[in-house]
Amino acid sequence: MFGRLSCTFGACLKALPNKFVVSLFVLGGVAAGLAVYVAYTSRVFSYLGNDPSACVNCHIMSASYQSWSKSSHRQWATCKDCHIPQSSRLAGLLFEAEDGIYHASQLLFTDQPPAVRPRAASVKVIQANCVRCHTQLNTALAKTGFATSEDIQHGGQKACWDCHRQMPHTTNSGFASAPGAVVPLPASSVPDWLKDMMR
């Protein structure tokens, strides 16, 4: 079956004009090159680990990183412990990719305020992770662990961060709220040879 398909594909390529085939390969090469460059520039592989400094690949997260680094959560939880589902590694990676693409597209293509806010799916994940880590407090003592994300979004219940406004981020955890934030910003993705060429 695959032999027939490859012969058919080869026959199709031979039937096409040479200029079209060359153009097709050039466009494919350009698309592949752009994909590799975007992956390199956005440091896609840094998100596979659990290092919170990966979050400041996007400069808009500087204030959030700084406020987390000065909070009591720093010694117990990383960004992924709170913002990513903990049911499985695959579920966490898929959610992280979806959430990152959503926020990046909102910041690039809409008139969003410079402080990142959780979307509906993120509210559910963050609330579940608060309850997961603080199980005894949220079930035995305060009895707040039973609020669902739907109740929170419709105003029937409060999210943990509605009362605990300074933990682990400050209320105004946006880029403009901490313009001098000291964070481990990544090095420039522009190669040295290109910088030299531009001088």
N, C-alpha and C. Protein backbone atom coordinates (compact mmCIF):
# COMPACT_ATOMS: atom_id res chain seq x y z
N MET A 1 0.83 -1.20 0.00
CA MET A 1 0.00 0.00 0.00
C MET A 1 0.87 1.26 0.00
N PHE A 2 1.88 1.30 0.92
CA PHE A 2 2.73 2.49 1.00
C PHE A 2 3.57 2.64 -0.27
N GLY A 3 3.94 1.49 -0.87
CA GLY A 3 4.71 1.55 -2.12
C GLY A 3 3.91 2.23 -3.22
N ARG A 4 2.63 1.90 -3.32
CA ARG A 4 1.76 2.54 -4.31
C ARG A 4 1.62 4.04 -4.04
N LEU A 5 1.45 4.37 -2.75
CA LEU A 5 1.30 5.79 -2.40
C LEU A 5 2.55 6.58 -2.78
N SER A 6 3.74 6.03 -2.46
CA SER A 6 4.95 6.77 -2.78
C SER A 6 5.15 6.88 -4.28
N CYS A 7 4.79 5.81 -5.02
CA CYS A 7 4.89 5.89 -6.48
C CYS A 7 3.91 6.92 -7.02
N THR A 8 2.73 6.94 -6.46
CA THR A 8 1.73 7.91 -6.90
C THR A 8 2.20 9.32 -6.58
N PHE A 9 2.78 9.51 -5.38
CA PHE A 9 3.29 10.83 -5.00
C PHE A 9 4.44 11.23 -5.92
N GLY A 10 5.35 10.28 -6.18
CA GLY A 10 6.47 10.55 -7.09
C GLY A 10 5.98 10.89 -8.48
N ALA A 11 4.96 10.16 -8.94
CA ALA A 11 4.40 10.45 -10.27
C ALA A 11 3.76 11.83 -10.29
N CYS A 12 3.11 12.18 -9.19
CA CYS A 12 2.49 13.50 -9.10
C CYS A 12 3.55 14.59 -9.16
N LEU A 13 4.68 14.38 -8.45
CA LEU A 13 5.75 15.38 -8.46
C LEU A 13 6.34 15.54 -9.85
N LYS A 14 6.50 14.42 -10.56
CA LYS A 14 7.04 14.48 -11.92
C LYS A 14 6.09 15.20 -12.86
N ALA A 15 4.79 15.05 -12.59
CA ALA A 15 3.79 15.68 -13.46
C ALA A 15 3.71 17.19 -13.26
N LEU A 16 4.16 17.67 -12.09
CA LEU A 16 4.11 19.10 -11.80
C LEU A 16 5.24 19.83 -12.52
N PRO A 17 5.03 21.08 -12.87
CA PRO A 17 6.12 21.86 -13.47
C PRO A 17 7.27 22.02 -12.47
N ASN A 18 8.52 22.02 -12.95
CA ASN A 18 9.70 22.12 -12.09
C ASN A 18 9.67 23.36 -11.21
N LYS A 19 9.21 24.48 -11.74
CA LYS A 19 9.17 25.72 -10.95
C LYS A 19 8.25 25.54 -9.74
N PHE A 20 7.14 24.86 -9.92
CA PHE A 20 6.20 24.65 -8.84
C PHE A 20 6.80 23.76 -7.76
N VAL A 21 7.50 22.69 -8.16
CA VAL A 21 8.12 21.77 -7.21
C VAL A 21 9.19 22.50 -6.41
N VAL A 22 10.02 23.29 -7.08
CA VAL A 22 11.06 24.05 -6.39
C VAL A 22 10.42 25.04 -5.42
N SER A 23 9.39 25.74 -5.87
CA SER A 23 8.69 26.70 -5.00
C SER A 23 8.10 26.00 -3.77
N LEU A 24 7.55 24.81 -4.00
CA LEU A 24 6.95 24.04 -2.90
C LEU A 24 8.01 23.68 -1.86
N PHE A 25 9.17 23.24 -2.29
CA PHE A 25 10.24 22.89 -1.36
C PHE A 25 10.82 24.12 -0.67
N VAL A 26 10.92 25.24 -1.39
CA VAL A 26 11.42 26.47 -0.78
C VAL A 26 10.45 26.95 0.30
N LEU A 27 9.16 26.95 0.00
CA LEU A 27 8.16 27.37 0.99
C LEU A 27 8.15 26.44 2.19
N GLY A 28 8.28 25.14 1.94
CA GLY A 28 8.35 24.17 3.04
C GLY A 28 9.57 24.42 3.91
N GLY A 29 10.71 24.72 3.29
CA GLY A 29 11.93 25.03 4.04
C GLY A 29 11.81 26.29 4.86
N VAL A 30 11.19 27.32 4.26
CA VAL A 30 10.98 28.58 4.99
C VAL A 30 10.06 28.35 6.18
N ALA A 31 8.97 27.59 5.98
CA ALA A 31 8.03 27.32 7.07
C ALA A 31 8.71 26.53 8.19
N ALA A 32 9.51 25.52 7.82
CA ALA A 32 10.22 24.74 8.83
C ALA A 32 11.24 25.60 9.56
N GLY A 33 11.94 26.46 8.84
CA GLY A 33 12.92 27.34 9.46
C GLY A 33 12.27 28.31 10.43
N LEU A 34 11.13 28.88 10.03
CA LEU A 34 10.41 29.79 10.92
C LEU A 34 9.92 29.07 12.17
N ALA A 35 9.45 27.84 12.01
CA ALA A 35 8.97 27.07 13.16
C ALA A 35 10.11 26.80 14.14
N VAL A 36 11.29 26.43 13.62
CA VAL A 36 12.45 26.19 14.48
C VAL A 36 12.88 27.48 15.17
N TYR A 37 12.87 28.60 14.43
CA TYR A 37 13.27 29.88 15.01
C TYR A 37 12.30 30.31 16.12
N VAL A 38 11.00 30.17 15.89
CA VAL A 38 10.01 30.54 16.91
C VAL A 38 10.18 29.67 18.15
N ALA A 39 10.42 28.36 17.96
CA ALA A 39 10.63 27.47 19.10
C ALA A 39 11.89 27.86 19.86
N TYR A 40 12.95 28.24 19.13
CA TYR A 40 14.20 28.65 19.77
C TYR A 40 14.03 29.97 20.50
N THR A 41 13.41 30.95 19.86
CA THR A 41 13.23 32.28 20.45
C THR A 41 12.33 32.24 21.68
N SER A 42 11.28 31.44 21.62
CA SER A 42 10.35 31.38 22.74
C SER A 42 10.81 30.40 23.83
N ARG A 43 11.94 29.75 23.60
CA ARG A 43 12.53 28.82 24.58
C ARG A 43 11.53 27.74 25.00
N VAL A 44 10.93 27.11 24.00
CA VAL A 44 9.88 26.12 24.24
C VAL A 44 10.35 25.02 25.19
N PHE A 45 11.59 24.57 25.05
CA PHE A 45 12.05 23.45 25.86
C PHE A 45 12.22 23.81 27.34
N SER A 46 12.35 25.10 27.66
CA SER A 46 12.49 25.49 29.06
C SER A 46 11.21 25.21 29.85
N TYR A 47 10.08 25.11 29.15
CA TYR A 47 8.81 24.87 29.82
C TYR A 47 8.62 23.40 30.20
N LEU A 48 9.48 22.52 29.71
CA LEU A 48 9.35 21.11 30.04
C LEU A 48 9.80 20.82 31.46
N GLY A 49 10.64 21.67 32.02
CA GLY A 49 11.11 21.49 33.39
C GLY A 49 10.17 22.15 34.39
N ASN A 50 10.66 22.29 35.61
CA ASN A 50 9.84 22.85 36.68
C ASN A 50 10.47 24.12 37.27
N ASP A 51 11.37 24.75 36.51
CA ASP A 51 12.07 25.94 36.99
C ASP A 51 11.18 27.17 36.80
N PRO A 52 10.82 27.86 37.88
CA PRO A 52 9.95 29.04 37.77
C PRO A 52 10.54 30.16 36.90
N SER A 53 11.86 30.20 36.75
CA SER A 53 12.43 31.27 35.92
C SER A 53 12.04 31.12 34.45
N ALA A 54 11.54 29.95 34.05
CA ALA A 54 11.04 29.79 32.68
C ALA A 54 9.85 30.71 32.42
N CYS A 55 9.11 31.02 33.46
CA CYS A 55 7.93 31.88 33.29
C CYS A 55 8.30 33.30 32.86
N VAL A 56 9.51 33.75 33.22
CA VAL A 56 9.90 35.10 32.82
C VAL A 56 10.53 35.13 31.44
N ASN A 57 10.41 34.03 30.68
CA ASN A 57 10.71 34.09 29.25
C ASN A 57 9.81 35.15 28.63
N CYS A 58 8.62 35.28 29.20
CA CYS A 58 7.69 36.33 28.79
C CYS A 58 7.82 37.45 29.83
N HIS A 59 8.30 38.62 29.41
CA HIS A 59 8.61 39.70 30.35
C HIS A 59 7.42 40.15 31.17
N ILE A 60 6.22 39.89 30.68
CA ILE A 60 5.01 40.33 31.38
C ILE A 60 4.85 39.59 32.72
N MET A 61 5.57 38.49 32.88
CA MET A 61 5.48 37.70 34.11
C MET A 61 6.49 38.13 35.18
N SER A 62 7.25 39.17 34.91
CA SER A 62 8.30 39.60 35.85
C SER A 62 7.75 39.91 37.24
N ALA A 63 6.67 40.69 37.31
CA ALA A 63 6.11 41.05 38.62
C ALA A 63 5.54 39.83 39.34
N SER A 64 4.92 38.93 38.59
CA SER A 64 4.39 37.70 39.20
C SER A 64 5.51 36.86 39.76
N TYR A 65 6.60 36.75 39.00
CA TYR A 65 7.75 35.97 39.47
C TYR A 65 8.35 36.62 40.73
N GLN A 66 8.49 37.93 40.70
CA GLN A 66 9.09 38.62 41.84
C GLN A 66 8.23 38.47 43.09
N SER A 67 6.92 38.64 42.95
CA SER A 67 6.06 38.52 44.13
C SER A 67 6.04 37.09 44.66
N TRP A 68 6.06 36.09 43.76
CA TRP A 68 6.15 34.70 44.21
C TRP A 68 7.47 34.45 44.94
N SER A 69 8.57 34.99 44.40
CA SER A 69 9.89 34.73 44.99
C SER A 69 10.03 35.33 46.39
N LYS A 70 9.19 36.29 46.75
CA LYS A 70 9.24 36.90 48.07
C LYS A 70 8.13 36.36 48.99
N SER A 71 7.36 35.41 48.49
CA SER A 71 6.24 34.89 49.28
C SER A 71 6.64 33.62 50.03
N SER A 72 5.77 33.21 50.93
CA SER A 72 6.02 31.98 51.69
C SER A 72 5.86 30.74 50.81
N HIS A 73 5.20 30.89 49.67
CA HIS A 73 5.02 29.74 48.77
C HIS A 73 6.33 29.31 48.12
N ARG A 74 7.29 30.21 48.05
CA ARG A 74 8.53 29.91 47.30
C ARG A 74 9.19 28.61 47.75
N GLN A 75 9.23 28.38 49.05
CA GLN A 75 9.93 27.18 49.53
C GLN A 75 9.10 25.91 49.37
N TRP A 76 7.82 26.04 49.04
CA TRP A 76 6.96 24.86 48.96
C TRP A 76 6.41 24.58 47.57
N ALA A 77 6.24 25.61 46.76
CA ALA A 77 5.54 25.41 45.48
C ALA A 77 6.16 26.23 44.36
N THR A 78 6.21 25.65 43.18
CA THR A 78 6.64 26.37 41.98
C THR A 78 5.39 26.79 41.22
N CYS A 79 5.59 27.50 40.14
CA CYS A 79 4.45 27.98 39.32
C CYS A 79 3.55 26.82 38.91
N LYS A 80 4.17 25.73 38.47
CA LYS A 80 3.40 24.59 37.96
C LYS A 80 2.61 23.88 39.05
N ASP A 81 3.06 23.96 40.29
CA ASP A 81 2.31 23.33 41.38
C ASP A 81 0.94 23.98 41.56
N CYS A 82 0.84 25.26 41.24
CA CYS A 82 -0.42 25.98 41.42
C CYS A 82 -1.21 26.13 40.12
N HIS A 83 -0.52 26.36 39.01
CA HIS A 83 -1.20 26.76 37.78
C HIS A 83 -1.43 25.65 36.77
N ILE A 84 -0.95 24.45 37.06
CA ILE A 84 -1.07 23.33 36.11
C ILE A 84 -1.79 22.18 36.80
N PRO A 85 -2.70 21.47 36.08
CA PRO A 85 -3.35 20.30 36.69
C PRO A 85 -2.32 19.26 37.10
N GLN A 86 -2.55 18.61 38.22
CA GLN A 86 -1.60 17.65 38.76
C GLN A 86 -2.03 16.20 38.55
N SER A 87 -3.08 15.98 37.76
CA SER A 87 -3.59 14.63 37.56
C SER A 87 -2.60 13.75 36.81
N SER A 88 -1.89 14.30 35.81
CA SER A 88 -0.87 13.56 35.08
C SER A 88 0.08 14.55 34.41
N ARG A 89 1.26 14.08 34.08
CA ARG A 89 2.27 14.93 33.42
C ARG A 89 1.76 15.40 32.06
N LEU A 90 1.12 14.50 31.30
CA LEU A 90 0.61 14.85 29.98
C LEU A 90 -0.49 15.90 30.07
N ALA A 91 -1.41 15.72 31.03
CA ALA A 91 -2.48 16.71 31.22
C ALA A 91 -1.89 18.07 31.57
N GLY A 92 -0.84 18.07 32.39
CA GLY A 92 -0.18 19.32 32.76
C GLY A 92 0.47 19.99 31.57
N LEU A 93 1.18 19.23 30.74
CA LEU A 93 1.84 19.80 29.56
C LEU A 93 0.83 20.36 28.56
N LEU A 94 -0.24 19.61 28.33
CA LEU A 94 -1.27 20.08 27.39
C LEU A 94 -1.94 21.35 27.89
N PHE A 95 -2.26 21.38 29.18
CA PHE A 95 -2.89 22.57 29.75
C PHE A 95 -1.95 23.76 29.70
N GLU A 96 -0.67 23.52 30.00
CA GLU A 96 0.32 24.60 29.99
C GLU A 96 0.46 25.18 28.58
N ALA A 97 0.49 24.31 27.57
CA ALA A 97 0.59 24.78 26.19
C ALA A 97 -0.64 25.58 25.79
N GLU A 98 -1.82 25.06 26.13
CA GLU A 98 -3.06 25.76 25.80
C GLU A 98 -3.15 27.12 26.49
N ASP A 99 -2.82 27.14 27.77
CA ASP A 99 -2.88 28.37 28.55
C ASP A 99 -1.86 29.39 28.04
N GLY A 100 -0.66 28.94 27.75
CA GLY A 100 0.38 29.83 27.24
C GLY A 100 0.02 30.43 25.90
N ILE A 101 -0.50 29.60 25.00
CA ILE A 101 -0.90 30.10 23.68
C ILE A 101 -2.05 31.09 23.81
N TYR A 102 -2.99 30.78 24.70
CA TYR A 102 -4.12 31.70 24.91
C TYR A 102 -3.63 33.06 25.39
N HIS A 103 -2.80 33.08 26.45
CA HIS A 103 -2.34 34.36 26.99
C HIS A 103 -1.45 35.11 26.00
N ALA A 104 -0.60 34.39 25.29
CA ALA A 104 0.26 35.04 24.29
C ALA A 104 -0.59 35.67 23.19
N SER A 105 -1.60 34.97 22.72
CA SER A 105 -2.45 35.53 21.66
C SER A 105 -3.25 36.72 22.17
N GLN A 106 -3.70 36.66 23.42
CA GLN A 106 -4.45 37.79 23.98
C GLN A 106 -3.57 39.03 24.09
N LEU A 107 -2.33 38.83 24.55
CA LEU A 107 -1.42 39.97 24.71
C LEU A 107 -0.95 40.53 23.38
N LEU A 108 -0.84 39.67 22.37
CA LEU A 108 -0.36 40.14 21.05
C LEU A 108 -1.46 40.77 20.21
N PHE A 109 -2.66 40.21 20.27
CA PHE A 109 -3.69 40.60 19.31
C PHE A 109 -4.89 41.33 19.88
N THR A 110 -4.95 41.53 21.20
CA THR A 110 -6.08 42.27 21.76
C THR A 110 -5.55 43.36 22.67
N ASP A 111 -6.43 44.22 23.09
CA ASP A 111 -6.04 45.34 23.95
C ASP A 111 -6.22 44.91 25.41
N GLN A 112 -5.38 43.98 25.84
CA GLN A 112 -5.45 43.44 27.20
C GLN A 112 -4.64 44.30 28.15
N PRO A 113 -5.06 44.39 29.40
CA PRO A 113 -4.21 45.07 30.40
C PRO A 113 -2.94 44.26 30.60
N PRO A 114 -1.85 44.91 31.01
CA PRO A 114 -0.58 44.20 31.12
C PRO A 114 -0.47 43.25 32.31
N ALA A 115 -1.54 43.07 33.06
CA ALA A 115 -1.53 42.08 34.15
C ALA A 115 -2.30 40.85 33.69
N VAL A 116 -1.64 39.72 33.70
CA VAL A 116 -2.26 38.48 33.25
C VAL A 116 -3.27 38.02 34.29
N ARG A 117 -4.46 37.69 33.84
CA ARG A 117 -5.52 37.20 34.72
C ARG A 117 -5.91 35.79 34.31
N PRO A 118 -6.30 34.93 35.25
CA PRO A 118 -6.65 33.55 34.89
C PRO A 118 -7.96 33.49 34.11
N ARG A 119 -7.98 32.61 33.11
CA ARG A 119 -9.22 32.36 32.38
C ARG A 119 -10.03 31.32 33.16
N ALA A 120 -11.22 31.01 32.68
CA ALA A 120 -12.13 30.12 33.42
C ALA A 120 -11.49 28.77 33.74
N ALA A 121 -10.81 28.17 32.77
CA ALA A 121 -10.17 26.87 33.00
C ALA A 121 -9.07 26.98 34.05
N SER A 122 -8.36 28.11 34.05
CA SER A 122 -7.29 28.30 35.01
C SER A 122 -7.82 28.49 36.43
N VAL A 123 -8.95 29.18 36.57
CA VAL A 123 -9.58 29.36 37.89
C VAL A 123 -9.86 28.00 38.51
N LYS A 124 -10.39 27.10 37.70
CA LYS A 124 -10.71 25.75 38.18
C LYS A 124 -9.44 25.02 38.65
N VAL A 125 -8.37 25.11 37.87
CA VAL A 125 -7.11 24.42 38.20
C VAL A 125 -6.47 25.03 39.45
N ILE A 126 -6.39 26.35 39.50
CA ILE A 126 -5.74 27.01 40.64
C ILE A 126 -6.50 26.71 41.93
N GLN A 127 -7.83 26.82 41.90
CA GLN A 127 -8.64 26.54 43.09
C GLN A 127 -8.45 25.10 43.54
N ALA A 128 -8.44 24.16 42.58
CA ALA A 128 -8.25 22.74 42.94
C ALA A 128 -6.89 22.52 43.56
N ASN A 129 -5.88 23.23 43.07
CA ASN A 129 -4.53 23.06 43.63
C ASN A 129 -4.40 23.71 45.00
N CYS A 130 -5.10 24.82 45.24
CA CYS A 130 -5.11 25.40 46.59
C CYS A 130 -5.68 24.39 47.59
N VAL A 131 -6.80 23.80 47.21
CA VAL A 131 -7.46 22.82 48.08
C VAL A 131 -6.59 21.58 48.24
N ARG A 132 -5.95 21.14 47.17
CA ARG A 132 -5.09 19.95 47.21
C ARG A 132 -3.95 20.13 48.20
N CYS A 133 -3.30 21.29 48.17
CA CYS A 133 -2.15 21.51 49.06
C CYS A 133 -2.59 21.83 50.49
N HIS A 134 -3.70 22.50 50.63
CA HIS A 134 -4.17 22.92 51.96
C HIS A 134 -5.42 22.12 52.33
N THR A 135 -5.36 20.82 52.14
CA THR A 135 -6.54 19.96 52.35
C THR A 135 -7.11 20.09 53.75
N GLN A 136 -6.28 19.99 54.77
CA GLN A 136 -6.81 20.03 56.13
C GLN A 136 -7.47 21.37 56.41
N LEU A 137 -6.81 22.45 56.03
CA LEU A 137 -7.37 23.78 56.26
C LEU A 137 -8.69 23.96 55.51
N ASN A 138 -8.74 23.47 54.27
CA ASN A 138 -9.92 23.69 53.43
C ASN A 138 -11.06 22.73 53.67
N THR A 139 -10.84 21.69 54.40
CA THR A 139 -11.94 20.75 54.63
C THR A 139 -12.30 20.63 56.11
N ALA A 140 -11.30 20.50 56.96
CA ALA A 140 -11.58 20.29 58.39
C ALA A 140 -11.81 21.58 59.15
N LEU A 141 -11.06 22.63 58.80
CA LEU A 141 -11.13 23.86 59.59
C LEU A 141 -12.07 24.90 58.99
N ALA A 142 -11.77 25.32 57.76
CA ALA A 142 -12.54 26.42 57.19
C ALA A 142 -13.75 25.97 56.38
N LYS A 143 -13.80 24.70 56.01
CA LYS A 143 -14.93 24.14 55.24
C LYS A 143 -15.12 24.85 53.90
N THR A 144 -14.03 25.35 53.31
CA THR A 144 -14.18 26.05 52.02
C THR A 144 -13.81 25.17 50.85
N GLY A 145 -13.36 23.97 51.09
CA GLY A 145 -12.88 23.11 50.01
C GLY A 145 -13.97 22.59 49.11
N PHE A 146 -15.21 22.90 49.39
CA PHE A 146 -16.30 22.35 48.60
C PHE A 146 -16.81 23.32 47.55
N ALA A 147 -16.23 24.50 47.46
CA ALA A 147 -16.64 25.47 46.44
C ALA A 147 -16.16 24.99 45.08
N THR A 148 -17.05 24.97 44.10
CA THR A 148 -16.65 24.57 42.75
C THR A 148 -16.26 25.82 41.96
N SER A 149 -15.54 25.59 40.87
CA SER A 149 -15.13 26.73 40.04
C SER A 149 -16.34 27.43 39.43
N GLU A 150 -17.41 26.66 39.17
CA GLU A 150 -18.64 27.26 38.63
C GLU A 150 -19.27 28.19 39.66
N ASP A 151 -19.28 27.77 40.93
CA ASP A 151 -19.81 28.62 42.01
C ASP A 151 -18.99 29.91 42.11
N ILE A 152 -17.68 29.78 41.98
CA ILE A 152 -16.79 30.93 42.09
C ILE A 152 -17.04 31.90 40.94
N GLN A 153 -17.14 31.38 39.73
CA GLN A 153 -17.32 32.25 38.56
C GLN A 153 -18.68 32.92 38.52
N HIS A 154 -19.69 32.30 39.13
CA HIS A 154 -21.02 32.90 39.13
C HIS A 154 -21.29 33.70 40.41
N GLY A 155 -20.28 33.86 41.24
CA GLY A 155 -20.42 34.70 42.42
C GLY A 155 -21.03 34.03 43.64
N GLY A 156 -21.28 32.73 43.57
CA GLY A 156 -21.87 32.03 44.71
C GLY A 156 -20.87 31.76 45.81
N GLN A 157 -19.61 31.60 45.44
CA GLN A 157 -18.54 31.32 46.41
C GLN A 157 -17.34 32.19 46.07
N LYS A 158 -16.42 32.27 47.02
CA LYS A 158 -15.18 33.02 46.79
C LYS A 158 -14.05 32.04 46.50
N ALA A 159 -13.14 32.47 45.61
CA ALA A 159 -11.92 31.71 45.39
C ALA A 159 -10.97 31.98 46.54
N CYS A 160 -10.00 31.12 46.74
CA CYS A 160 -9.04 31.30 47.85
C CYS A 160 -8.38 32.67 47.78
N TRP A 161 -8.03 33.10 46.57
CA TRP A 161 -7.30 34.37 46.40
C TRP A 161 -8.19 35.60 46.54
N ASP A 162 -9.50 35.41 46.65
CA ASP A 162 -10.37 36.57 46.92
C ASP A 162 -10.13 37.12 48.32
N CYS A 163 -9.79 36.25 49.25
CA CYS A 163 -9.48 36.70 50.61
C CYS A 163 -7.97 36.82 50.83
N HIS A 164 -7.24 35.86 50.31
CA HIS A 164 -5.79 35.85 50.47
C HIS A 164 -5.16 36.59 49.29
N ARG A 165 -5.39 37.89 49.23
CA ARG A 165 -5.01 38.69 48.06
C ARG A 165 -3.52 38.86 47.86
N GLN A 166 -2.74 38.70 48.88
CA GLN A 166 -1.29 38.91 48.74
C GLN A 166 -0.51 37.60 48.60
N MET A 167 -1.19 36.48 48.48
CA MET A 167 -0.52 35.19 48.43
C MET A 167 -0.85 34.45 47.17
N PRO A 168 0.08 33.92 46.45
CA PRO A 168 1.50 34.19 46.54
C PRO A 168 1.90 35.39 45.70
N HIS A 169 0.91 36.00 45.01
CA HIS A 169 1.20 37.19 44.21
C HIS A 169 0.51 38.40 44.84
N THR A 170 1.01 39.57 44.53
CA THR A 170 0.35 40.78 45.01
C THR A 170 -0.91 41.02 44.19
N THR A 171 -1.78 41.90 44.67
CA THR A 171 -3.04 42.17 43.99
C THR A 171 -2.81 42.69 42.58
N ASN A 172 -1.87 43.59 42.41
CA ASN A 172 -1.58 44.15 41.09
C ASN A 172 -0.34 43.49 40.51
N SER A 173 -0.43 42.22 40.25
CA SER A 173 0.74 41.50 39.77
C SER A 173 0.86 41.63 38.26
N GLY A 174 1.13 42.83 37.82
CA GLY A 174 1.30 43.09 36.40
C GLY A 174 2.63 43.76 36.14
N PHE A 175 3.03 43.80 34.89
CA PHE A 175 4.34 44.34 34.51
C PHE A 175 4.49 45.78 34.97
N ALA A 176 3.42 46.57 34.85
CA ALA A 176 3.50 47.99 35.22
C ALA A 176 3.59 48.17 36.74
N SER A 177 3.16 47.17 37.51
CA SER A 177 3.17 47.32 38.97
C SER A 177 4.57 47.16 39.55
N ALA A 178 5.50 46.59 38.80
CA ALA A 178 6.87 46.41 39.29
C ALA A 178 7.86 46.61 38.14
N PRO A 179 7.97 47.85 37.65
CA PRO A 179 8.84 48.07 36.48
C PRO A 179 10.30 47.76 36.76
N GLY A 180 10.73 47.82 38.00
CA GLY A 180 12.12 47.52 38.34
C GLY A 180 12.30 46.14 38.94
N ALA A 181 11.40 45.22 38.63
CA ALA A 181 11.46 43.88 39.22
C ALA A 181 12.79 43.21 38.91
N VAL A 182 13.41 42.67 39.93
CA VAL A 182 14.67 41.96 39.76
C VAL A 182 14.35 40.49 39.55
N VAL A 183 14.46 40.05 38.32
CA VAL A 183 14.12 38.68 37.96
C VAL A 183 15.21 38.12 37.04
N PRO A 184 15.33 36.80 36.96
CA PRO A 184 16.35 36.20 36.09
C PRO A 184 15.91 36.22 34.63
N LEU A 185 15.94 37.38 34.00
CA LEU A 185 15.51 37.48 32.60
C LEU A 185 16.44 36.65 31.71
N PRO A 186 15.88 36.00 30.71
CA PRO A 186 16.71 35.16 29.84
C PRO A 186 17.64 36.01 28.97
N ALA A 187 18.71 35.40 28.54
CA ALA A 187 19.64 36.08 27.63
C ALA A 187 18.96 36.30 26.28
N SER A 188 19.47 37.23 25.52
CA SER A 188 18.91 37.52 24.20
C SER A 188 18.99 36.29 23.31
N SER A 189 17.95 36.07 22.52
CA SER A 189 17.95 34.93 21.60
C SER A 189 18.61 35.27 20.28
N VAL A 190 19.05 36.51 20.12
CA VAL A 190 19.73 36.91 18.89
C VAL A 190 21.18 36.40 18.98
N PRO A 191 21.62 35.60 18.00
CA PRO A 191 22.99 35.07 18.06
C PRO A 191 24.03 36.18 17.95
N ASP A 192 25.20 35.95 18.54
CA ASP A 192 26.27 36.95 18.55
C ASP A 192 26.70 37.35 17.14
N TRP A 193 26.76 36.38 16.21
CA TRP A 193 27.18 36.71 14.85
C TRP A 193 26.23 37.69 14.19
N LEU A 194 24.92 37.58 14.53
CA LEU A 194 23.94 38.51 13.95
C LEU A 194 24.06 39.89 14.60
N LYS A 195 24.34 39.90 15.92
CA LYS A 195 24.56 41.20 16.60
C LYS A 195 25.75 41.90 15.99
N ASP A 196 26.85 41.14 15.74
CA ASP A 196 28.04 41.74 15.14
C ASP A 196 27.75 42.28 13.74
N MET A 197 26.93 41.54 13.01
CA MET A 197 26.59 41.97 11.66
C MET A 197 25.77 43.26 11.67
N MET A 198 24.94 43.42 12.71
CA MET A 198 24.06 44.59 12.80
C MET A 198 24.81 45.84 13.25
N ARG A 199 26.02 45.69 13.83
CA ARG A 199 26.77 46.85 14.31
C ARG A 199 27.44 47.60 13.21
